Amino acid sequence: GGKSGGKGGGRRRGRRDESPGAESINNEQPDFRMSPGEASKELDKVLSKMPDSAMEQEGSRFLQWRLLDNIGEDEEKDRIFAVALPNVADLASDVFGNFVVQKLFERGTPDQRERLADKMQREVFNLSTHKYGCRVVQKMLELLPTEAQVTIASELKGKVLQCVEDMHGNHVIQAMVKHMSSDSVDFVSKALTDSAERMAAHMYGCRVIQRLLEKCTQEQMADLIDKILGDVERLSMDKHGNYVVQCVLEHGDTEDIRRIIDAIRKDFSTFAKNKVSSNVVEKCFAVATTGSSSNLLSEDREMLYREVLERGRLLEDLATDKFGNYAVQSIIRYSRGEDRVALRKRIDAMEPDLRASAAGKHILGCMQKLEDGS
């Protein structure tokens, strides 16, 4: 979770992982008040005008309604499937038709799903980079068995970066990483490794790299992480790249974490006072104190605390800085034992100055909260 208030300017990324454009179409299920007889007549009418009727809002909504688990019988679903099948690739990229195709995937039998997927062959890249088609490809990746997933994914080999840089295609690549085995998406991590520094600082590339770091083994990610660590100073200050660095802190091995902490320590004040990289500084303290490798990072943690507590007036300098104060709050929150006692003394001595600034008040509040809680 992020912090509320404090740093403005979109410092915390919102959940932007929904497929773009999804909100612009009001596709809530309407409440069709029809008797079974009326519904049956309406279905005959809608099916006689396919595929056009599925590409109109009312027809699309009616078909989606009949495809709901608790509404239409299997026999109805089979009729809709049979009529829709020949045009399913066109429907997939239609503003209203795509919803019908998604419902057919949800309600379809394994055999029907495979037949729908067959109709998409040679269209996967075009659909993936299409505003509406990308949703259907994501649905396919979610619901199809491994072999069919691999067939879909194979159409994107050699086009991974094109998809990643596309506002729709990046969602498909993220869905591949989410729903397929880590071995099956090896070609994705290889493609991103070749352009790792650029991709880590890319609006969509940073998301795909995060999904890979969350999913794949450290062996699979070693080359990619190595490239990121080679550029860690720049990426930590980059509005997209900092999320990748934080993700390595969370999912990398102890040596990767150590390299990031070392880089941050060498220029602590600059990173802590930067709107973006102050996030990475906070993450370093969190991971070194409570992360899964924290028992192996006690020396690194000790060096971080020495940097802050023994380097002249660094603590005082950061405490009243509008971004540095967030780093100081983390330093307080993750302090233990003697370090906390030393911090308490220093902050007591600063109290008059801290009261005079908004940033300083955050520090006093943080210290107070900790003492109330402990």
Foldseek 3Di string as FASTA:
>chain_A
DDDPDQDDDCLDPDPPLDQPPPVVDPLPQDDDPDDPVVLVVVLVVLLVPPPVLQLDNVSLSSLLQLLDPVHHDVVSLVSVLVSCLVPLLVLQQHPRSVSNLLSNLVRPDLVSLLSSLVNCPPVLVVLQLGSRSVVNLLSSLQRHDAVSNLRSVVSCQVPLVVLQLGSRSLSNLLSNLVRYALVSCLSNLVVCLVVLVVLLLHPRSVVNLLSNLVHDDQVSCVSSLVVCLVVVVVLLLRSRSVSSLLSCLQRPDPVSLLSNLVVCLVPVLVQQLRSRNVVVLLSNLCCCQPHPCVVVNVVSNVSSLCSCLVVPCSVVVLQQRSRSLSSVLSQQVRDDDPSNVSVVVVLVVCVVVLVVHPSSVVNVVSNVVVVVVD
